[in-house]
């Protein structure tokens, strides 16, 4: 009996260490493909569904456009959700943010909710190395399920933006954004933390949102790899994308998903007119891959994945 238990534990340990998360990939970037890849995950969005996107800074041409999102949002009867930013711009307060949402056409097609328009709340974090809680828009409590729908691209501070950033910085209120960027030092003004501390705080906040939605059972993750500028959708004057569009990827594991997208960028056979070097430089110069490394370390997901292509 004792030998059996030891053998069983060894087998379980081997399975856990070698487990691969499923990441689905479809090359065509279309409204129909977005619905198809959502359905491939086999996890139905039920109840009050939040679709977390970036509504894009005024002047930015690269954000995910409403017509592209429409079929999926209607499929799940979802609400587009966002939070205000922590810097001067066209989304820094609800009044300006609503004007940008209207300018970009979201409110003409969807129900839209600025989750921190009227307040914020704290949710627990599992990893307390830097932040002791996560500060999010209090309307997060109005939703039963979240579709984390990110535009994968570069980012000035994080190196890249994918679903981990969309869950952490994206769901955080203005005060929460200050708190993450400062690695727990301030929630009422801007402090720039050491880079790795900031990246680790993002991973911890992403885990907090993941756990909030049924310990990860009521959330799914999608990255759209198009218009991959070195700059984020939060930049009103982003650099021109040098890398061609790659497709849509989705998973129930955010770490595996961001890792798969990073692998596609880093392993791409670049050439003139389809150059991955600027984005690689942006990610590497900010140590951006540390976010997925740390997210795996704290148990948010696995960097090991199986890529499943949908025809």
Protein backbone atom coordinates (compact mmCIF):
# COMPACT_ATOMS: atom_id res chain seq x y z
CA UNK A 1 0.00 0.00 0.00
CA UNK A 2 2.82 2.38 0.96
CA UNK A 3 4.70 1.62 -2.29
CA UNK A 4 1.49 2.29 -4.23
CA UNK A 5 0.99 5.70 -2.58
CA UNK A 6 4.60 6.71 -3.26
CA UNK A 7 4.28 5.60 -6.89
CA UNK A 8 0.96 7.44 -7.28
CA UNK A 9 2.42 10.64 -5.86
CA UNK A 10 5.42 10.35 -8.17
CA UNK A 11 3.12 9.89 -11.16
CA UNK A 12 0.98 12.87 -10.11
CA UNK A 13 4.10 15.00 -9.71
CA UNK A 14 5.33 13.96 -13.17
CA UNK A 15 1.95 14.82 -14.73
CA UNK A 16 1.81 18.25 -13.06
CA UNK A 17 5.38 19.15 -14.00
CA UNK A 18 4.94 18.04 -17.59
CA UNK A 19 1.36 19.26 -18.08
CA UNK A 20 0.78 21.37 -21.17
CA UNK A 21 -1.95 23.96 -21.38
CA UNK A 22 -3.95 24.10 -24.59
CA UNK A 23 -3.56 27.23 -26.69
CA UNK A 24 -5.78 27.53 -29.75
CA UNK A 25 -4.66 29.40 -32.86
CA UNK A 26 -6.51 30.61 -35.93
CA UNK A 27 -4.68 32.55 -38.63
CA UNK A 28 -7.62 34.43 -40.07
CA UNK A 29 -8.43 37.59 -38.12
CA UNK A 30 -12.15 38.17 -38.53
CA UNK A 31 -15.31 38.56 -36.46
CA UNK A 32 -16.26 34.99 -37.37
CA UNK A 33 -12.86 33.65 -36.32
CA UNK A 34 -13.18 35.38 -32.97
CA UNK A 35 -16.41 33.50 -32.24
CA UNK A 36 -14.94 30.26 -33.53
CA UNK A 37 -11.90 30.42 -31.27
CA UNK A 38 -14.06 31.34 -28.28
CA UNK A 39 -16.20 28.25 -28.86
CA UNK A 40 -13.11 26.06 -29.26
CA UNK A 41 -12.21 26.66 -25.61
CA UNK A 42 -15.27 24.73 -24.46
CA UNK A 43 -15.97 27.13 -21.60
CA UNK A 44 -19.29 28.89 -22.04
CA UNK A 45 -19.56 32.49 -20.89
CA UNK A 46 -22.58 32.45 -18.57
CA UNK A 47 -24.43 34.99 -16.47
CA UNK A 48 -23.38 38.63 -16.57
CA UNK A 49 -20.42 38.66 -18.96
CA UNK A 50 -17.71 41.32 -18.95
CA UNK A 51 -15.67 41.64 -22.15
CA UNK A 52 -12.47 43.42 -21.09
CA UNK A 53 -10.79 45.31 -23.92
CA UNK A 54 -8.82 48.51 -24.36
CA UNK A 55 -10.99 51.24 -25.85
CA UNK A 56 -7.81 52.90 -27.16
CA UNK A 57 -6.34 56.32 -26.55
CA UNK A 58 -7.65 59.13 -28.73
CA UNK A 59 -5.59 59.27 -31.92
CA UNK A 60 -4.51 55.63 -31.70
CA UNK A 61 -5.47 53.66 -34.84
CA UNK A 62 -4.55 50.18 -33.63
CA UNK A 63 -7.14 49.27 -30.96
CA UNK A 64 -9.56 46.40 -31.64
CA UNK A 65 -12.45 47.91 -33.58
CA UNK A 66 -16.12 47.48 -32.58
CA UNK A 67 -17.24 45.72 -35.81
CA UNK A 68 -14.54 43.08 -35.24
CA UNK A 69 -15.83 42.47 -31.71
CA UNK A 70 -19.54 42.59 -32.47
CA UNK A 71 -20.29 38.92 -33.22
CA UNK A 72 -18.54 37.71 -30.07
CA UNK A 73 -20.09 40.31 -27.76
CA UNK A 74 -23.55 39.50 -29.13
CA UNK A 75 -22.88 35.76 -28.85
CA UNK A 76 -22.28 36.05 -25.10
CA UNK A 77 -24.64 39.00 -24.48
CA UNK A 78 -21.64 40.77 -23.03
CA UNK A 79 -20.81 44.25 -21.77
CA UNK A 80 -17.62 46.03 -22.85
CA UNK A 81 -15.73 46.97 -19.68
CA UNK A 82 -12.81 49.33 -19.09
CA UNK A 83 -11.22 51.51 -16.40
CA UNK A 84 -9.75 54.99 -16.49
CA UNK A 85 -6.03 55.54 -16.98
CA UNK A 86 -3.41 56.89 -14.57
CA UNK A 87 -1.83 59.47 -16.86
CA UNK A 88 -2.94 62.58 -18.69
CA UNK A 89 -4.80 61.68 -21.86
CA UNK A 90 -8.20 61.11 -23.40
CA UNK A 91 -9.21 58.42 -20.88
CA UNK A 92 -7.88 59.86 -17.62
CA UNK A 93 -11.33 60.54 -16.13
CA UNK A 94 -14.86 59.28 -16.87
CA UNK A 95 -15.93 62.37 -18.83
CA UNK A 96 -12.97 62.20 -21.21
CA UNK A 97 -13.13 58.42 -21.35
CA UNK A 98 -16.80 58.42 -22.36
CA UNK A 99 -15.99 60.92 -25.13
CA UNK A 100 -13.26 58.59 -26.42
CA UNK A 101 -15.55 55.55 -26.18
CA UNK A 102 -18.13 57.43 -28.25
CA UNK A 103 -15.53 58.66 -30.76
CA UNK A 104 -14.29 55.09 -31.24
CA UNK A 105 -17.82 53.77 -31.78
CA UNK A 106 -18.19 51.36 -28.88
CA UNK A 107 -21.32 52.80 -27.30
CA UNK A 108 -23.22 52.71 -30.59
CA UNK A 109 -22.96 48.91 -30.72
CA UNK A 110 -22.57 47.70 -27.14
CA UNK A 111 -23.41 48.27 -23.54
CA UNK A 112 -20.24 49.82 -22.09
CA UNK A 113 -19.19 50.10 -18.44
CA UNK A 114 -16.30 52.18 -17.07
CA UNK A 115 -15.89 50.02 -14.00
CA UNK A 116 -14.24 52.66 -11.80
CA UNK A 117 -16.53 55.52 -12.83
CA UNK A 118 -18.21 55.63 -9.43
CA UNK A 119 -15.77 53.85 -7.14
CA UNK A 120 -13.26 51.10 -6.54
CA UNK A 121 -12.72 48.10 -4.33
CA UNK A 122 -9.91 45.87 -3.14
CA UNK A 123 -9.65 42.19 -4.03
CA UNK A 124 -7.18 39.73 -2.49
CA UNK A 125 -3.82 38.82 -4.00
CA UNK A 126 -2.11 35.49 -3.43
CA UNK A 127 1.41 36.79 -4.02
CA UNK A 128 2.14 39.64 -1.58
CA UNK A 129 5.79 40.24 -2.40
CA UNK A 130 5.05 43.78 -3.60
CA UNK A 131 1.30 44.52 -3.54
CA UNK A 132 -0.91 43.54 -0.61
CA UNK A 133 -4.20 43.68 -2.56
CA UNK A 134 -5.45 44.68 -6.01
CA UNK A 135 -7.48 47.87 -6.45
CA UNK A 136 -10.09 47.46 -9.19
CA UNK A 137 -13.19 49.25 -10.41
CA UNK A 138 -16.04 48.39 -8.05
CA UNK A 139 -18.30 47.45 -10.97
CA UNK A 140 -16.18 44.31 -11.33
CA UNK A 141 -18.56 42.90 -8.73
CA UNK A 142 -21.43 43.18 -11.22
CA UNK A 143 -20.08 40.37 -13.42
CA UNK A 144 -20.07 36.58 -13.20
CA UNK A 145 -17.73 35.85 -16.10
CA UNK A 146 -14.95 37.68 -17.92
CA UNK A 147 -13.64 37.39 -21.46
CA UNK A 148 -10.17 38.96 -21.33
CA UNK A 149 -9.81 40.10 -24.94
CA UNK A 150 -6.42 41.72 -25.49
CA UNK A 151 -4.65 43.28 -28.43
CA UNK A 152 -1.16 41.80 -28.35
CA UNK A 153 1.51 44.44 -29.11
CA UNK A 154 4.46 46.25 -27.56
CA UNK A 155 4.37 48.53 -24.55
CA UNK A 156 6.58 51.42 -23.45
CA UNK A 157 6.90 50.26 -19.84
CA UNK A 158 5.98 46.56 -19.79
CA UNK A 159 7.74 45.61 -23.03
CA UNK A 160 4.61 43.97 -24.35
CA UNK A 161 0.90 44.00 -23.67
CA UNK A 162 -1.19 40.84 -23.68
CA UNK A 163 -3.78 39.22 -21.46
CA UNK A 164 -1.66 39.48 -18.31
CA UNK A 165 -1.44 43.24 -18.66
CA UNK A 166 -5.11 43.45 -19.67
CA UNK A 167 -6.08 41.64 -16.45
CA UNK A 168 -3.79 43.64 -14.19
CA UNK A 169 -3.34 47.24 -15.36
CA UNK A 170 -6.50 47.01 -17.48
CA UNK A 171 -8.88 46.00 -14.69
CA UNK A 172 -7.23 48.22 -12.07
CA UNK A 173 -8.79 51.58 -11.22
CA UNK A 174 -6.70 54.71 -11.58
CA UNK A 175 -5.49 54.25 -8.00
CA UNK A 176 -4.87 50.58 -8.73
CA UNK A 177 -2.73 51.46 -11.71
CA UNK A 178 -0.60 53.75 -9.54
CA UNK A 179 -0.35 50.97 -6.97
CA UNK A 180 0.85 48.37 -9.48
CA UNK A 181 3.27 50.71 -11.26
CA UNK A 182 4.80 51.66 -7.91
CA UNK A 183 4.99 48.01 -6.80
CA UNK A 184 2.86 48.76 -3.76
CA UNK A 185 4.41 52.08 -2.75
CA UNK A 186 1.58 54.47 -3.66
CA UNK A 187 -2.09 54.45 -4.65
CA UNK A 188 -2.56 58.22 -4.91
CA UNK A 189 0.28 59.41 -7.14
CA UNK A 190 2.77 58.13 -9.68
CA UNK A 191 5.95 56.40 -8.47
CA UNK A 192 8.12 54.43 -10.88
CA UNK A 193 9.25 51.20 -9.25
CA UNK A 194 12.23 49.06 -10.19
CA UNK A 195 11.34 47.33 -13.45
CA UNK A 196 11.17 43.73 -12.25
CA UNK A 197 9.14 44.77 -9.20
CA UNK A 198 6.63 46.45 -11.52
CA UNK A 199 6.42 43.39 -13.77
CA UNK A 200 6.00 41.08 -10.78
CA UNK A 201 3.24 43.34 -9.42
CA UNK A 202 1.43 43.02 -12.76
CA UNK A 203 1.61 39.24 -12.54
CA UNK A 204 0.26 39.28 -8.98
CA UNK A 205 -2.62 41.58 -9.95
CA UNK A 206 -3.47 39.41 -12.96
CA UNK A 207 -3.62 36.42 -10.65
CA UNK A 208 -5.96 38.33 -8.32
CA UNK A 209 -8.45 38.90 -11.15
CA UNK A 210 -8.08 35.29 -12.30
CA UNK A 211 -8.87 34.03 -8.80
CA UNK A 212 -11.75 36.48 -8.42
CA UNK A 213 -13.59 34.77 -11.27
CA UNK A 214 -14.21 31.39 -9.68
CA UNK A 215 -10.54 30.57 -9.14
CA UNK A 216 -10.05 30.85 -12.89
CA UNK A 217 -13.10 28.79 -13.88
CA UNK A 218 -15.18 31.79 -14.99
CA UNK A 219 -12.66 33.58 -17.18
CA UNK A 220 -11.11 32.97 -20.60
CA UNK A 221 -8.29 34.69 -22.45
CA UNK A 222 -7.89 35.79 -26.07
CA UNK A 223 -4.97 37.62 -27.73
CA UNK A 224 -5.36 39.21 -31.16
CA UNK A 225 -2.01 39.53 -32.93
CA UNK A 226 -2.59 42.35 -35.40
CA UNK A 227 -1.26 45.91 -35.79
CA UNK A 228 1.66 44.94 -33.55
CA UNK A 229 3.31 48.29 -32.98
CA UNK A 230 6.07 48.57 -30.39
CA UNK A 231 3.69 50.99 -28.66
CA UNK A 232 0.51 50.23 -26.74
CA UNK A 233 -3.05 51.25 -27.55
CA UNK A 234 -2.65 53.70 -24.64
CA UNK A 235 -0.32 55.76 -26.87
CA UNK A 236 -2.07 58.43 -28.94
CA UNK A 237 0.81 58.52 -31.43
CA UNK A 238 2.11 54.94 -31.75
CA UNK A 239 4.90 53.77 -34.03
CA UNK A 240 3.89 52.10 -37.27
CA UNK A 241 3.71 48.29 -36.98
CA UNK A 242 6.66 46.63 -38.71
CA UNK A 243 5.47 43.06 -38.19
CA UNK A 244 2.69 41.49 -40.23
CA UNK A 245 -0.51 40.26 -38.57
CA UNK A 246 -0.30 36.69 -37.25
CA UNK A 247 -3.74 35.60 -36.05
CA UNK A 248 -5.86 35.03 -32.95
CA UNK A 249 -4.83 32.84 -30.00
CA UNK A 250 -6.93 31.76 -27.02
CA UNK A 251 -6.61 29.71 -23.85
CA UNK A 252 -7.95 29.24 -20.35
CA UNK A 253 -4.33 29.68 -19.17
CA UNK A 254 -3.12 33.31 -19.45
CA UNK A 255 0.52 32.42 -18.92
CA UNK A 256 0.53 29.83 -21.69
CA UNK A 257 -1.31 32.24 -23.99
CA UNK A 258 1.08 35.18 -23.55
CA UNK A 259 4.04 32.78 -23.83
CA UNK A 260 2.70 31.36 -27.10
CA UNK A 261 2.36 34.88 -28.53
CA UNK A 262 5.87 35.80 -27.39
CA UNK A 263 7.18 32.66 -29.04
CA UNK A 264 5.46 33.57 -32.29
CA UNK A 265 7.16 36.97 -32.26
CA UNK A 266 10.62 35.79 -31.21
CA UNK A 267 10.66 32.74 -33.51
CA UNK A 268 9.25 34.54 -36.54
CA UNK A 269 11.38 34.47 -39.70
CA UNK A 270 11.48 38.21 -40.23
CA UNK A 271 12.25 39.95 -43.49
CA UNK A 272 11.87 43.44 -45.00
CA UNK A 273 8.27 44.53 -44.63
CA UNK A 274 7.68 41.88 -41.99
CA UNK A 275 10.27 42.70 -39.34
CA UNK A 276 10.04 41.29 -35.81
CA UNK A 277 13.25 42.96 -34.59
CA UNK A 278 11.73 46.25 -33.33
CA UNK A 279 9.15 44.43 -31.22
CA UNK A 280 11.74 41.98 -29.90
CA UNK A 281 13.98 44.91 -28.94
CA UNK A 282 11.11 46.64 -27.15
CA UNK A 283 10.22 43.49 -25.18
CA UNK A 284 13.82 42.60 -24.35
CA UNK A 285 14.87 46.12 -23.35
CA UNK A 286 12.09 46.18 -20.75
CA UNK A 287 12.72 42.59 -19.60
CA UNK A 288 9.10 41.97 -20.61
CA UNK A 289 9.35 38.20 -20.58
CA UNK A 290 9.87 38.36 -16.82
CA UNK A 291 6.13 38.93 -16.45
CA UNK A 292 5.30 35.45 -17.76
CA UNK A 293 8.22 33.91 -15.88
CA UNK A 294 7.01 35.34 -12.60
CA UNK A 295 3.36 34.57 -13.33
CA UNK A 296 4.32 30.92 -13.77
CA UNK A 297 6.40 31.01 -10.60
CA UNK A 298 3.46 32.19 -8.48
CA UNK A 299 1.17 29.52 -9.94
CA UNK A 300 -1.02 31.55 -12.29
CA UNK A 301 -0.37 29.18 -15.19
CA UNK A 302 2.24 27.29 -17.16
CA UNK A 303 4.59 28.37 -19.93
CA UNK A 304 4.35 24.85 -21.32
CA UNK A 305 1.63 24.61 -23.91
CA UNK A 306 0.29 22.65 -26.84
CA UNK A 307 -0.62 24.82 -29.82
CA UNK A 308 -3.79 23.62 -31.55
CA UNK A 309 -4.42 25.14 -34.97
CA UNK A 310 -8.01 25.70 -36.06
CA UNK A 311 -8.52 25.55 -39.79
